Amino acid sequence: MLKRDAGRDAGMVLWWIGNAFGLLIVIPLVAVLALRVLRQAREIDRYAHDILTHGVLLAGNLDPLPALLDTRDRVGEVTGNAVRYVTALERLV
């Protein structure tokens, strides 16, 4: 009977060593790693918010872009008219 109690005692000692290891090593390590992950996640959130803010501001600057198509067409018309004008002047001179 004494041998069984010694085995149980050894098992309990190992159990308490495992508990102490978990409390003193594993849990603080998990907490430190979780804080590092959370810090990086907050930084990514700040960057994403910054990108969104500047993207909205940029979109406001792109509103006049459709007018560039109209400008391109007008430049083509002006160029054609200028060529005709210069050709007419050359005939006069």
Foldseek 3Di string as FASTA:
>chain_A
DVVVVVVVVVVVVVVVVVVCCCVPPVVVVVVVVVVVVVVVVVVVVVVVVVCVVVVVVVVVVCVCVVVVVVVVVVVVVVVVVVVVVVVVVVVVD
